[in-house]
Protein backbone atom coordinates (compact mmCIF):
# COMPACT_ATOMS: atom_id res chain seq x y z
CA GLU A 1 -15.07 -6.95 51.94
CA ASP A 2 -13.69 -6.40 48.53
CA PHE A 3 -12.21 -3.07 49.30
CA VAL A 4 -9.94 -4.47 51.95
CA TYR A 5 -8.84 -7.52 49.91
CA HIS A 6 -7.70 -5.08 47.09
CA TRP A 7 -5.90 -3.02 49.59
CA LYS A 8 -4.27 -6.07 51.21
CA ALA A 9 -3.13 -7.27 47.73
CA ILE A 10 -1.34 -3.94 47.32
CA THR A 11 0.29 -3.83 50.64
CA HIS A 12 1.26 -7.55 50.22
CA TYR A 13 2.99 -6.92 47.04
CA TYR A 14 5.21 -4.37 48.64
CA ILE A 15 5.87 -6.73 51.74
CA GLU A 16 6.78 -9.71 49.58
CA THR A 17 8.69 -7.96 46.81
CA SER A 18 10.49 -5.21 48.52
CA ASP A 19 13.85 -5.98 46.39
CA ASP A 20 11.93 -6.05 43.05
CA LYS A 21 12.08 -2.79 40.96
CA ALA A 22 9.68 -3.89 38.29
CA PRO A 23 7.69 -0.64 37.22
CA VAL A 24 4.50 -0.41 39.03
CA THR A 25 2.68 -0.84 35.66
CA ASP A 26 4.08 -4.19 35.28
CA THR A 27 2.38 -5.21 38.35
CA ASN A 28 -1.31 -5.92 39.61
CA ILE A 29 -1.16 -2.64 41.61
CA PRO A 30 -3.11 -0.45 39.13
CA SER A 31 -5.88 -2.99 38.76
CA HIS A 32 -6.51 -3.26 42.34
CA LEU A 33 -6.36 0.61 42.70
CA GLU A 34 -8.92 0.85 39.93
CA GLN A 35 -11.15 -1.68 41.70
CA MET A 36 -10.76 0.13 45.00
CA LEU A 37 -11.98 3.25 43.14
CA ASP A 38 -14.76 1.54 41.42
CA ILE A 39 -15.82 0.19 44.92
CA LEU A 40 -15.61 3.79 46.38
CA VAL A 41 -17.70 5.24 43.53
CA GLN A 42 -20.33 2.65 43.88
CA GLU A 43 -20.38 3.22 47.39
CA GLU A 44 -20.85 6.98 47.15
CA ASN A 45 -23.70 6.68 44.64
CA GLU A 46 -25.61 4.44 46.83
CA ARG A 47 -25.52 6.53 50.05
CA GLU A 48 -27.61 9.59 51.19
CA SER A 49 -25.83 12.92 50.91
CA GLY A 50 -23.36 13.46 53.58
CA GLU A 51 -23.14 9.85 54.67
CA THR A 52 -19.70 8.31 54.81
CA GLY A 53 -19.57 4.56 53.81
CA PRO A 54 -17.56 1.81 55.30
CA CYS A 55 -14.93 1.71 52.62
CA MET A 56 -14.44 5.41 52.79
CA GLU A 57 -14.29 5.25 56.64
CA TYR A 58 -11.69 2.36 55.99
CA LEU A 59 -9.82 4.42 53.56
CA LEU A 60 -9.61 7.31 56.03
CA HIS A 61 -9.25 5.50 59.32
CA HIS A 62 -6.10 3.32 57.74
CA LYS A 63 -4.67 6.50 55.98
CA ILE A 64 -4.46 4.65 52.62
CA LEU A 65 -3.78 7.87 50.62
CA GLU A 66 -0.94 8.85 52.79
CA THR A 67 0.43 5.33 52.54
CA LEU A 68 0.08 5.24 48.61
CA TYR A 69 1.99 8.59 48.53
CA THR A 70 4.74 7.14 50.69
CA LEU A 71 4.93 3.88 48.64
CA GLY A 72 4.90 5.84 45.35
CA LYS A 73 7.64 8.29 46.44
CA ALA A 74 9.74 5.55 47.55
CA ASP A 75 9.26 3.73 44.35
CA VAL A 76 10.63 6.62 42.08
C-alpha cells in the first residue's frame, strides 16, 4: 500500500537520522506527507458517504496524527 510506504519512509527518516537537525523542509518528509494526503483525499472521493477507507483506518489505528504532532513538537 502506498499510504503505508510513505508513512514508513517518514518514520524511517526519524529513526535513521535522530542526530540530524536539518530543517524538515530540507528533507523528503513534506513530499511524503503530501502523497499521504493525496491518497486519503482520493480514497474519500471513491467511498460511499459514511464509509471509512483502509488508509483512514490505518491513520486512526496507528495514531499517525498524534505521532506527527510528537515528532514535530520535538523537532522545534
